[in-house]
Amino acid sequence: MEHTWRCDIRVTDLGEFGIIARIVGRLPQSPAVLLGPGDDAAVLIAPDGRVVVTTDLLLEGRHFRRDWSSAQDIGRKAAAQNLSDVVAMGADPTALFVGLGLPGDLPAAWLDGLTDGFREECALVGASVAGGDVVRSELVVLGVTALGDLGGRAPVTRSGARPGQVLAVAGRLGHAAAGLALYQAGNDDPAFAALAGAHRRPLPPYACGPAAAALGATAMLDVSDGLLQDLGHVARASGVLIDLDPAALEVPETLAAAGAALGVDPLRWMLTGGEDHALAAVFPAEVTLPSEWRPIGRVLEGEGVQVTGYEGLPAGWDHFRE
């Protein structure tokens, strides 16, 4: 996919403060922000007295490609993966802070699209971009920090799973991995457009995080690096064995079709693919789960993660694994 911008203004023509002014002009502030961009630091309301904080770094060529994703897609994806981490703690997102590294020849209109993507994703959860920084760099670099408020709830960590409890997921699994595989294979079949879109722009089930905390979830995380790998974090932190039932992972029709087209078992995408930003949580067995949560396994005595019939699969994404 190629994106052509008709405006000839580049970010280098704007200068640092012109870039900042252009970004800020497109970003409304939520009620949680008492003092937004324009000072040495922002000031936010923290009603709970505790602040949930997470941060992520995205590099052009490793986390996104400008020939595959629009600026708006990239902004939404960068915001989504941080906002998802906040809700995975059972918190409500309040604000993002964004550090930008930008090539000087980048079209100013591309910057507008990126800013709009951040704004639109934040609007889904009532948060806002409350500040950041900008520097010149050879590639587009995004450093994002997200803040959240627990609303009086205890944070839902990875260490609370106990034997006898139920594992469930909310959101999509395997779609982003399938979309990436289609891009890498050069397969642009319109029938798979939704999967390609899932790679460019995730759809985290934001409301399910705080709702799971209210339901009594004892452990929860954002599925960003693959279900098996991320559940391994829960198993280690909790000192338990997680028994995952592959039969409970219903393969959507479009995922099955893409698997057939590429010669891939689609369940592998669902087990090891990252960047869908689904939520995985552990609940007491007596909790009645709403329809957004799908039971997919159980917690047992032992250690690690087991999936009958899929032993030996690579766990998921690791930045330093070849």
Protein backbone atom coordinates (compact mmCIF):
# COMPACT_ATOMS: atom_id res chain seq x y z
CA MET A 1 0.00 0.00 0.00
CA GLU A 2 1.36 3.42 -0.93
CA HIS A 3 0.19 6.73 0.48
CA THR A 4 0.76 9.89 -1.54
CA TRP A 5 0.50 13.29 0.14
CA ARG A 6 -0.34 16.32 -1.97
CA CYS A 7 1.10 18.85 0.48
CA ASP A 8 4.76 19.77 -0.07
CA ILE A 9 5.37 21.09 3.45
CA ARG A 10 7.86 18.92 5.33
CA VAL A 11 8.40 18.70 9.06
CA THR A 12 11.81 20.33 8.63
CA ASP A 13 10.01 23.39 7.18
CA LEU A 14 7.96 23.66 10.36
CA GLY A 15 10.84 23.50 12.83
CA GLU A 16 10.64 21.97 16.30
CA PHE A 17 8.19 24.43 17.79
CA GLY A 18 6.10 24.55 14.66
CA ILE A 19 5.82 20.75 14.80
CA ILE A 20 4.76 20.89 18.43
CA ALA A 21 2.20 23.62 17.73
CA ARG A 22 0.81 21.62 14.80
CA ILE A 23 0.43 18.50 16.96
CA VAL A 24 -1.07 20.29 19.97
CA GLY A 25 -3.60 22.06 17.77
CA ARG A 26 -5.13 18.70 16.85
CA LEU A 27 -5.32 17.30 20.40
CA PRO A 28 -8.20 18.14 22.75
CA GLN A 29 -7.61 17.47 26.45
CA SER A 30 -9.76 15.30 28.69
CA PRO A 31 -11.06 16.47 32.10
CA ALA A 32 -8.29 14.41 33.75
CA VAL A 33 -5.71 16.87 32.40
CA LEU A 34 -5.45 20.03 34.51
CA LEU A 35 -2.46 21.37 32.57
CA GLY A 36 -1.66 19.97 29.14
CA PRO A 37 1.04 20.61 26.54
CA GLY A 38 2.89 23.91 26.63
CA ASP A 39 4.63 23.94 30.00
CA ASP A 40 7.65 22.11 31.44
CA ALA A 41 5.39 19.25 32.53
CA ALA A 42 1.73 18.30 32.51
CA VAL A 43 -0.53 18.13 35.54
CA LEU A 44 -3.13 15.38 35.79
CA ILE A 45 -5.85 14.50 38.27
CA ALA A 46 -5.19 11.25 40.17
CA PRO A 47 -8.48 10.58 41.99
CA ASP A 48 -7.41 7.14 43.21
CA GLY A 49 -4.13 8.38 44.68
CA ARG A 50 -2.29 5.72 42.66
CA VAL A 51 -1.20 5.94 39.01
CA VAL A 52 -0.80 3.01 36.61
CA VAL A 53 2.11 3.64 34.21
CA THR A 54 3.31 1.71 31.15
CA THR A 55 5.64 2.56 28.28
CA ASP A 56 6.49 1.21 24.83
CA LEU A 57 8.92 1.95 22.02
CA LEU A 58 8.05 1.50 18.34
CA LEU A 59 10.64 1.62 15.56
CA GLU A 60 9.96 2.02 11.87
CA GLY A 61 10.87 -1.18 10.04
CA ARG A 62 10.47 -3.35 13.11
CA HIS A 63 7.02 -2.50 14.46
CA PHE A 64 5.49 -0.83 11.40
CA ARG A 65 6.17 0.01 7.78
CA ARG A 66 5.03 3.21 6.14
CA ASP A 67 4.39 1.41 2.85
CA TRP A 68 1.95 -0.96 4.59
CA SER A 69 0.33 1.33 7.16
CA SER A 70 -1.02 4.85 6.94
CA ALA A 71 0.11 7.47 9.45
CA GLN A 72 -3.30 7.22 11.08
CA ASP A 73 -2.94 3.43 11.41
CA ILE A 74 0.46 3.84 13.05
CA GLY A 75 -0.84 6.40 15.54
CA ARG A 76 -3.79 4.23 16.49
CA LYS A 77 -1.63 1.11 16.83
CA ALA A 78 0.93 2.89 19.01
CA ALA A 79 -1.80 4.26 21.25
CA ALA A 80 -3.68 0.96 21.38
CA GLN A 81 -0.81 -1.18 22.59
CA ASN A 82 -0.20 1.15 25.52
CA LEU A 83 -3.84 1.75 26.42
CA SER A 84 -4.35 -2.02 26.37
CA ASP A 85 -1.60 -2.49 28.96
CA VAL A 86 -3.39 -0.05 31.25
CA VAL A 87 -6.78 -1.78 31.04
CA ALA A 88 -5.03 -5.14 31.56
CA MET A 89 -4.22 -3.91 35.07
CA GLY A 90 -7.93 -3.24 35.62
CA ALA A 91 -7.45 0.52 35.28
CA ASP A 92 -9.07 3.25 33.20
CA PRO A 93 -6.63 5.06 30.85
CA THR A 94 -6.29 8.79 31.46
CA ALA A 95 -3.43 10.11 29.32
CA LEU A 96 -0.64 9.37 26.88
CA PHE A 97 2.75 11.05 26.55
CA VAL A 98 4.44 10.64 23.18
CA GLY A 99 8.08 11.07 22.20
CA LEU A 100 8.55 11.40 18.43
CA GLY A 101 11.64 10.91 16.30
CA LEU A 102 10.89 12.23 12.81
CA PRO A 103 12.89 12.39 9.56
CA GLY A 104 13.20 15.96 8.32
CA ASP A 105 11.74 15.14 4.91
CA LEU A 106 8.56 13.64 6.34
CA PRO A 107 5.45 15.38 4.93
CA ALA A 108 3.69 17.55 7.49
CA ALA A 109 0.41 15.96 6.38
CA TRP A 110 1.80 12.58 7.47
CA LEU A 111 2.38 14.06 10.93
CA ASP A 112 -1.24 15.24 10.96
CA GLY A 113 -2.42 11.72 10.20
CA LEU A 114 -0.28 10.28 12.98
CA THR A 115 -1.64 12.83 15.45
CA ASP A 116 -5.21 12.11 14.37
CA GLY A 117 -4.61 8.39 14.93
CA PHE A 118 -3.48 9.01 18.50
CA ARG A 119 -6.43 11.30 19.13
CA GLU A 120 -9.00 8.86 17.72
CA GLU A 121 -7.71 5.86 19.68
CA CYS A 122 -7.55 7.85 22.91
CA ALA A 123 -11.13 9.00 22.36
CA LEU A 124 -12.30 5.38 22.62
CA VAL A 125 -11.32 5.31 26.30
CA GLY A 126 -11.72 8.97 27.25
CA ALA A 127 -7.98 9.63 27.44
CA SER A 128 -5.87 12.29 25.74
CA VAL A 129 -2.30 13.00 24.63
CA ALA A 130 -1.16 15.34 27.39
CA GLY A 131 2.44 15.97 26.33
CA GLY A 132 5.63 14.59 24.82
CA ASP A 133 8.77 15.54 22.92
CA VAL A 134 10.04 15.67 19.35
CA VAL A 135 13.49 15.18 17.84
CA ARG A 136 14.91 14.67 14.37
CA SER A 137 15.92 11.10 13.49
CA GLU A 138 16.67 8.95 10.45
CA LEU A 139 13.57 6.78 10.96
CA VAL A 140 10.19 7.34 12.58
CA VAL A 141 10.48 6.44 16.27
CA LEU A 142 7.58 6.51 18.74
CA GLY A 143 8.09 6.37 22.49
CA VAL A 144 4.71 6.19 24.22
CA THR A 145 3.89 6.32 27.94
CA ALA A 146 0.33 5.70 29.13
CA LEU A 147 -1.19 6.52 32.51
CA GLY A 148 -4.29 5.08 34.13
CA ASP A 149 -6.48 5.32 37.21
CA LEU A 150 -7.60 2.28 39.24
CA GLY A 151 -10.80 3.87 40.50
CA GLY A 152 -10.38 2.38 43.95
CA ARG A 153 -9.84 -1.17 42.64
CA ALA A 154 -6.83 -3.34 43.42
CA PRO A 155 -4.52 -3.75 40.39
CA VAL A 156 -4.95 -7.11 38.62
CA THR A 157 -1.44 -8.51 38.27
CA ARG A 158 0.04 -11.63 36.68
CA SER A 159 0.67 -13.35 39.99
CA GLY A 160 -2.86 -14.06 41.23
CA ALA A 161 -3.78 -17.25 39.35
CA ARG A 162 -4.62 -20.23 41.61
CA PRO A 163 -5.35 -23.92 40.92
CA GLY A 164 -9.03 -24.58 40.25
CA GLN A 165 -9.61 -21.25 38.50
CA VAL A 166 -10.74 -20.64 34.91
CA LEU A 167 -8.74 -19.04 32.10
CA ALA A 168 -10.66 -16.85 29.64
CA VAL A 169 -9.90 -14.43 26.81
CA ALA A 170 -11.62 -11.35 25.42
CA GLY A 171 -10.89 -9.93 21.98
CA ARG A 172 -9.32 -11.30 18.81
CA LEU A 173 -6.49 -13.81 18.59
CA GLY A 174 -4.34 -14.53 15.55
CA HIS A 175 -5.78 -11.87 13.26
CA ALA A 176 -2.78 -9.53 13.34
CA ALA A 177 -0.36 -12.44 12.83
CA ALA A 178 -2.37 -13.64 9.85
CA GLY A 179 -2.42 -10.12 8.42
CA LEU A 180 1.36 -9.86 8.77
CA ALA A 181 1.80 -13.24 7.08
CA LEU A 182 -0.39 -12.10 4.18
CA TYR A 183 1.67 -8.93 3.76
CA GLN A 184 4.91 -10.90 3.87
CA ALA A 185 3.56 -13.33 1.26
CA GLY A 186 2.44 -10.49 -1.01
CA ASN A 187 -1.15 -11.77 -0.83
CA ASP A 188 -3.51 -8.83 -1.33
CA ASP A 189 -6.70 -10.85 -1.87
CA PRO A 190 -9.61 -8.52 -0.98
CA ALA A 191 -11.19 -11.43 0.90
CA PHE A 192 -8.46 -11.00 3.52
CA ALA A 193 -8.68 -7.21 3.82
CA ALA A 194 -9.95 -7.42 7.40
CA LEU A 195 -6.92 -9.49 8.44
CA ALA A 196 -4.53 -7.05 6.81
CA GLY A 197 -6.36 -4.30 8.65
CA ALA A 198 -5.95 -6.18 11.93
CA HIS A 199 -2.17 -6.07 11.49
CA ARG A 200 -2.24 -2.32 10.86
CA ARG A 201 -4.77 -1.41 13.53
CA PRO A 202 -5.66 -3.63 16.55
CA LEU A 203 -9.02 -3.60 18.30
CA PRO A 204 -8.35 -4.13 22.01
CA PRO A 205 -11.43 -4.93 24.14
CA TYR A 206 -10.81 -1.91 26.35
CA ALA A 207 -13.95 -2.09 28.46
CA CYS A 208 -13.28 -5.71 29.39
CA GLY A 209 -10.23 -4.88 31.54
CA PRO A 210 -11.87 -2.78 34.27
CA ALA A 211 -14.98 -4.99 33.98
CA ALA A 212 -12.88 -8.11 34.64
CA ALA A 213 -11.38 -6.46 37.70
CA ALA A 214 -14.88 -5.71 38.98
CA LEU A 215 -15.91 -9.33 38.34
CA GLY A 216 -13.08 -10.59 40.54
CA ALA A 217 -10.36 -11.54 38.04
CA THR A 218 -7.29 -12.65 40.00
CA ALA A 219 -4.74 -12.36 37.15
CA MET A 220 -4.81 -10.61 33.79
CA LEU A 221 -2.56 -9.40 30.99
CA ASP A 222 -2.58 -7.95 27.51
CA VAL A 223 -1.82 -10.54 24.79
CA SER A 224 0.81 -8.67 22.81
CA ASP A 225 3.57 -11.23 22.19
CA GLY A 226 1.50 -14.38 21.62
CA LEU A 227 -0.97 -16.23 23.84
CA LEU A 228 1.43 -19.03 24.83
CA GLN A 229 4.26 -16.69 25.70
CA ASP A 230 2.09 -14.27 27.62
CA LEU A 231 0.34 -17.02 29.56
CA GLY A 232 3.81 -18.28 30.44
CA HIS A 233 4.34 -15.00 32.30
CA VAL A 234 1.19 -15.66 34.35
CA ALA A 235 2.21 -19.25 35.06
CA ARG A 236 5.67 -18.22 36.28
CA ALA A 237 4.47 -15.27 38.33
CA SER A 238 1.70 -17.34 39.94
CA GLY A 239 3.60 -20.61 40.31
CA VAL A 240 0.93 -22.66 38.50
CA LEU A 241 0.32 -24.80 35.44
CA ILE A 242 -2.05 -23.37 32.83
CA ASP A 243 -3.85 -26.03 30.79
CA LEU A 244 -5.04 -24.50 27.53
CA ASP A 245 -7.78 -26.30 25.59
CA PRO A 246 -7.18 -25.81 21.83
CA ALA A 247 -10.72 -27.03 21.09
CA ALA A 248 -12.06 -23.99 22.95
CA LEU A 249 -10.24 -21.66 20.54
CA GLU A 250 -12.81 -21.44 17.77
CA VAL A 251 -11.08 -20.53 14.50
CA PRO A 252 -12.97 -17.78 12.63
CA GLU A 253 -13.81 -18.56 9.02
CA THR A 254 -11.63 -15.81 7.58
CA LEU A 255 -8.65 -17.02 9.62
CA ALA A 256 -9.20 -20.59 8.40
CA ALA A 257 -9.37 -19.37 4.78
CA ALA A 258 -6.13 -17.40 5.15
CA GLY A 259 -4.46 -20.43 6.69
CA ALA A 260 -5.55 -22.56 3.75
CA ALA A 261 -4.25 -19.95 1.29
CA LEU A 262 -0.83 -19.79 2.97
CA GLY A 263 -0.52 -23.41 4.07
CA VAL A 264 -0.55 -22.51 7.78
CA ASP A 265 -2.54 -24.05 10.61
CA PRO A 266 -4.54 -20.96 11.73
CA LEU A 267 -4.51 -22.16 15.33
CA ARG A 268 -0.78 -21.50 15.33
CA TRP A 269 -1.49 -17.82 14.68
CA MET A 270 -3.98 -17.82 17.55
CA LEU A 271 -1.51 -19.48 19.93
CA THR A 272 1.69 -17.62 19.03
CA GLY A 273 0.70 -14.48 17.11
CA GLY A 274 0.97 -11.13 18.85
CA GLU A 275 -0.33 -7.58 18.43
CA ASP A 276 -4.06 -8.28 18.57
CA HIS A 277 -4.00 -7.01 22.16
CA ALA A 278 -6.67 -9.36 23.39
CA LEU A 279 -6.98 -9.75 27.16
CA ALA A 280 -6.37 -13.02 28.98
CA ALA A 281 -7.62 -13.33 32.55
CA VAL A 282 -8.06 -15.90 35.29
CA PHE A 283 -11.31 -15.98 37.25
CA PRO A 284 -12.59 -17.97 40.25
CA ALA A 285 -14.59 -20.96 38.99
CA GLU A 286 -17.83 -19.64 40.54
CA VAL A 287 -17.79 -16.38 38.53
CA THR A 288 -20.38 -16.20 35.75
CA LEU A 289 -18.54 -14.79 32.77
CA PRO A 290 -20.23 -12.31 30.41
CA SER A 291 -20.32 -13.15 26.71
CA GLU A 292 -17.24 -11.02 25.96
CA TRP A 293 -15.11 -13.53 27.87
CA ARG A 294 -14.54 -17.00 26.36
CA PRO A 295 -13.29 -19.79 28.69
CA ILE A 296 -10.28 -21.49 27.06
CA GLY A 297 -8.57 -23.40 29.85
CA ARG A 298 -7.97 -23.98 33.52
CA VAL A 299 -5.34 -23.46 36.19
CA LEU A 300 -3.74 -26.55 37.75
CA GLU A 301 -1.02 -27.46 40.20
CA GLY A 302 2.37 -27.49 38.50
CA GLU A 303 4.24 -25.04 36.34
CA GLY A 304 4.25 -23.73 32.78
CA VAL A 305 1.68 -23.83 29.98
CA GLN A 306 0.45 -26.98 28.24
CA VAL A 307 -1.57 -27.29 25.02
CA THR A 308 -2.46 -30.83 24.02
CA GLY A 309 -1.52 -31.47 20.40
CA TYR A 310 0.58 -28.32 20.04
CA GLU A 311 3.63 -29.15 22.11
CA GLY A 312 6.88 -27.65 20.87
CA LEU A 313 5.42 -24.53 19.25
CA PRO A 314 7.57 -21.38 19.50
CA ALA A 315 6.12 -19.43 22.40
CA GLY A 316 5.71 -16.09 20.64
CA TRP A 317 7.51 -12.85 19.90
CA ASP A 318 10.85 -12.00 21.50
CA HIS A 319 12.71 -8.87 20.37
CA PHE A 320 16.10 -10.49 20.89
CA ARG A 321 15.37 -13.94 19.48
CA GLU A 322 16.57 -14.51 15.92
